[in-house]
Amino acid sequence: MDRNNTKETMHETINQLTKRVTELEQLVEQAAVPIIPSIIPNTILIPVYGELSPERFQIIMPKILNQANNMNTDTAIIDFTAISHQEIDDLAVLGKHLENLTGALNLMGVQVLFVGFSPQFAQELVKSGLGFVKELKAFSTFRTALQFLMKKKGLALMSIE
């Protein structure tokens, strides 16, 4: 009888831990990439940080596509300022995921701008030989991307006195 109680207790503990792991995985998935509305209409900012692995892209790509659709987005600015080339598992795989994300957003009518590539990250992307790298619309900072968009959309900042 003691042995059965121990087995039941172990199964209960395993079930509780499995449930907790699932809850934590969902929390990580939700926090995987913030999507921030910009002051420029129909524009979102997507700051990317942390390790860029294929598994992570499989989590964040649907989230980005759904949010872009739900927010009536015409421009997405993807910010890599917080990424160093050491945080990239495989540059060819990352490039393919970026190409797929950009292609999917473009098919949805969303222009994609990239910002914040470090010199080393940019060099590695160019060395990768991935064809889409030449087609990327990239800016050094979020600010320069916003200035480009404002000019393109005929918007200007006005001071309020």
Protein backbone atom coordinates (compact mmCIF):
# COMPACT_ATOMS: atom_id res chain seq x y z
CA MET A 1 0.00 0.00 0.00
CA ASP A 2 2.83 2.33 0.80
CA ARG A 3 4.32 1.64 -2.61
CA ASN A 4 1.02 2.49 -4.38
CA ASN A 5 0.79 5.78 -2.47
CA THR A 6 4.34 6.60 -3.54
CA LYS A 7 3.50 5.85 -7.19
CA GLU A 8 0.34 7.96 -7.01
CA THR A 9 2.24 10.80 -5.39
CA MET A 10 4.93 10.61 -8.09
CA HIS A 11 2.33 10.61 -10.88
CA GLU A 12 0.58 13.57 -9.29
CA THR A 13 3.87 15.44 -8.97
CA ILE A 14 4.77 14.66 -12.59
CA ASN A 15 1.36 15.89 -13.76
CA GLN A 16 1.72 19.12 -11.75
CA LEU A 17 5.21 19.73 -13.10
CA THR A 18 4.09 19.02 -16.67
CA LYS A 19 1.26 21.51 -16.27
CA ARG A 20 3.65 24.11 -14.85
CA VAL A 21 6.14 23.60 -17.71
CA THR A 22 3.31 24.12 -20.21
CA GLU A 23 2.27 27.32 -18.44
CA LEU A 24 5.85 28.61 -18.47
CA GLU A 25 6.30 27.72 -22.15
CA GLN A 26 3.16 29.73 -22.96
CA LEU A 27 4.50 32.67 -20.95
CA VAL A 28 7.82 32.56 -22.78
CA GLU A 29 6.00 32.33 -26.11
CA GLN A 30 3.95 35.42 -25.29
CA ALA A 31 7.02 37.37 -24.23
CA ALA A 32 9.15 36.10 -27.11
CA VAL A 33 8.87 39.31 -29.09
CA PRO A 34 7.06 42.50 -28.22
CA ILE A 35 5.17 44.21 -31.01
CA ILE A 36 4.88 47.94 -30.39
CA PRO A 37 2.59 50.33 -32.29
CA SER A 38 4.50 53.34 -33.62
CA ILE A 39 3.46 56.99 -33.59
CA ILE A 40 3.39 56.68 -37.38
CA PRO A 41 0.01 55.28 -38.42
CA ASN A 42 -0.13 51.59 -39.42
CA THR A 43 3.48 51.03 -38.39
CA ILE A 44 4.78 48.55 -35.82
CA LEU A 45 8.17 48.17 -34.17
CA ILE A 46 9.44 44.67 -33.45
CA PRO A 47 12.54 44.72 -31.23
CA VAL A 48 14.30 41.36 -31.47
CA TYR A 49 16.53 40.22 -28.62
CA GLY A 50 18.04 37.05 -27.25
CA GLU A 51 19.11 33.94 -29.08
CA LEU A 52 17.90 33.63 -32.66
CA SER A 53 17.24 29.94 -33.16
CA PRO A 54 14.94 28.17 -35.63
CA GLU A 55 12.67 27.15 -32.74
CA ARG A 56 12.33 30.76 -31.62
CA PHE A 57 11.50 31.93 -35.14
CA GLN A 58 8.79 29.29 -35.37
CA ILE A 59 7.26 30.88 -32.28
CA ILE A 60 7.62 34.55 -33.22
CA MET A 61 6.81 34.43 -36.93
CA PRO A 62 3.10 33.57 -36.56
CA LYS A 63 2.79 36.14 -33.78
CA ILE A 64 4.28 38.88 -35.98
CA LEU A 65 2.09 37.94 -38.95
CA ASN A 66 -1.09 37.84 -36.85
CA GLN A 67 -0.35 41.14 -35.10
CA ALA A 68 0.52 42.84 -38.39
CA ASN A 69 -2.83 41.69 -39.76
CA ASN A 70 -4.80 42.61 -36.63
CA MET A 71 -3.22 46.06 -36.36
CA ASN A 72 -3.86 46.99 -40.02
CA THR A 73 -0.12 47.38 -40.54
CA ASP A 74 1.49 48.66 -43.73
CA THR A 75 5.04 48.90 -42.34
CA ALA A 76 6.96 46.72 -39.89
CA ILE A 77 10.28 47.88 -38.50
CA ILE A 78 12.31 44.96 -37.19
CA ASP A 79 15.02 46.12 -34.80
CA PHE A 80 18.14 43.98 -34.31
CA THR A 81 20.01 46.48 -32.11
CA ALA A 82 20.07 44.02 -29.17
CA ILE A 83 21.46 41.12 -31.26
CA SER A 84 25.11 40.26 -31.66
CA HIS A 85 26.34 37.71 -34.15
CA GLN A 86 27.18 35.40 -31.22
CA GLU A 87 23.46 35.04 -30.48
CA ILE A 88 22.77 33.49 -33.86
CA ASP A 89 22.71 29.69 -34.05
CA ASP A 90 23.20 29.41 -37.80
CA LEU A 91 23.34 32.44 -40.07
CA ALA A 92 22.02 30.57 -43.12
CA VAL A 93 19.02 29.36 -41.12
CA LEU A 94 18.44 32.86 -39.68
CA GLY A 95 18.65 34.30 -43.18
CA LYS A 96 16.07 31.83 -44.45
CA HIS A 97 13.71 32.71 -41.59
CA LEU A 98 14.16 36.44 -42.21
CA GLU A 99 13.54 35.86 -45.91
CA ASN A 100 10.36 33.87 -45.13
CA LEU A 101 9.13 36.49 -42.66
CA THR A 102 9.83 39.35 -45.06
CA GLY A 103 8.17 37.48 -47.92
CA ALA A 104 5.07 36.67 -45.88
CA LEU A 105 4.73 40.27 -44.67
CA ASN A 106 5.24 41.59 -48.21
CA LEU A 107 2.49 39.27 -49.47
CA MET A 108 0.25 40.83 -46.82
CA GLY A 109 1.08 44.28 -48.18
CA VAL A 110 3.46 45.13 -45.35
CA GLN A 111 6.75 46.85 -46.14
CA VAL A 112 9.58 45.59 -43.92
CA LEU A 113 12.38 47.83 -42.71
CA PHE A 114 15.31 46.52 -40.71
CA VAL A 115 17.32 48.53 -38.20
CA GLY A 116 20.20 48.02 -35.83
CA PHE A 117 22.45 45.54 -37.61
CA SER A 118 25.85 45.71 -35.92
CA PRO A 119 28.87 45.93 -38.26
CA GLN A 120 29.80 42.30 -37.48
CA PHE A 121 26.23 41.08 -37.97
CA ALA A 122 25.97 42.98 -41.27
CA GLN A 123 29.29 41.54 -42.47
CA GLU A 124 28.19 38.01 -41.61
CA LEU A 125 24.89 38.49 -43.44
CA VAL A 126 26.70 39.73 -46.54
CA LYS A 127 29.25 36.87 -46.36
CA SER A 128 26.41 34.36 -46.11
CA GLY A 129 25.67 34.89 -49.79
CA LEU A 130 21.91 34.85 -49.18
CA GLY A 131 20.30 36.59 -52.16
CA PHE A 132 17.64 38.49 -50.24
CA VAL A 133 20.30 40.44 -48.28
CA LYS A 134 20.74 42.76 -51.27
CA GLU A 135 17.01 43.52 -51.22
CA LEU A 136 16.76 44.44 -47.53
CA LYS A 137 15.67 47.97 -46.72
CA ALA A 138 17.91 48.69 -43.72
CA PHE A 139 18.64 51.70 -41.54
CA SER A 140 21.20 52.25 -38.81
CA THR A 141 18.63 53.25 -36.17
CA PHE A 142 14.93 53.21 -35.45
CA ARG A 143 14.96 57.01 -35.64
CA THR A 144 16.35 57.07 -39.20
CA ALA A 145 13.77 54.49 -40.26
CA LEU A 146 10.99 56.64 -38.77
CA GLN A 147 12.34 59.74 -40.52
CA PHE A 148 12.33 57.83 -43.82
CA LEU A 149 8.73 56.72 -43.22
CA MET A 150 7.57 60.18 -42.20
CA LYS A 151 9.00 61.65 -45.40
CA LYS A 152 7.52 58.83 -47.50
CA LYS A 153 4.06 59.29 -45.91
CA GLY A 154 4.21 63.08 -46.03
CA LEU A 155 4.22 63.45 -42.24
CA ALA A 156 6.11 65.97 -40.15
CA LEU A 157 6.66 66.53 -36.45
CA MET A 158 5.19 69.74 -35.19
CA SER A 159 6.07 71.43 -31.94
CA ILE A 160 3.18 72.40 -29.71
CA GLU A 161 3.68 75.67 -27.92
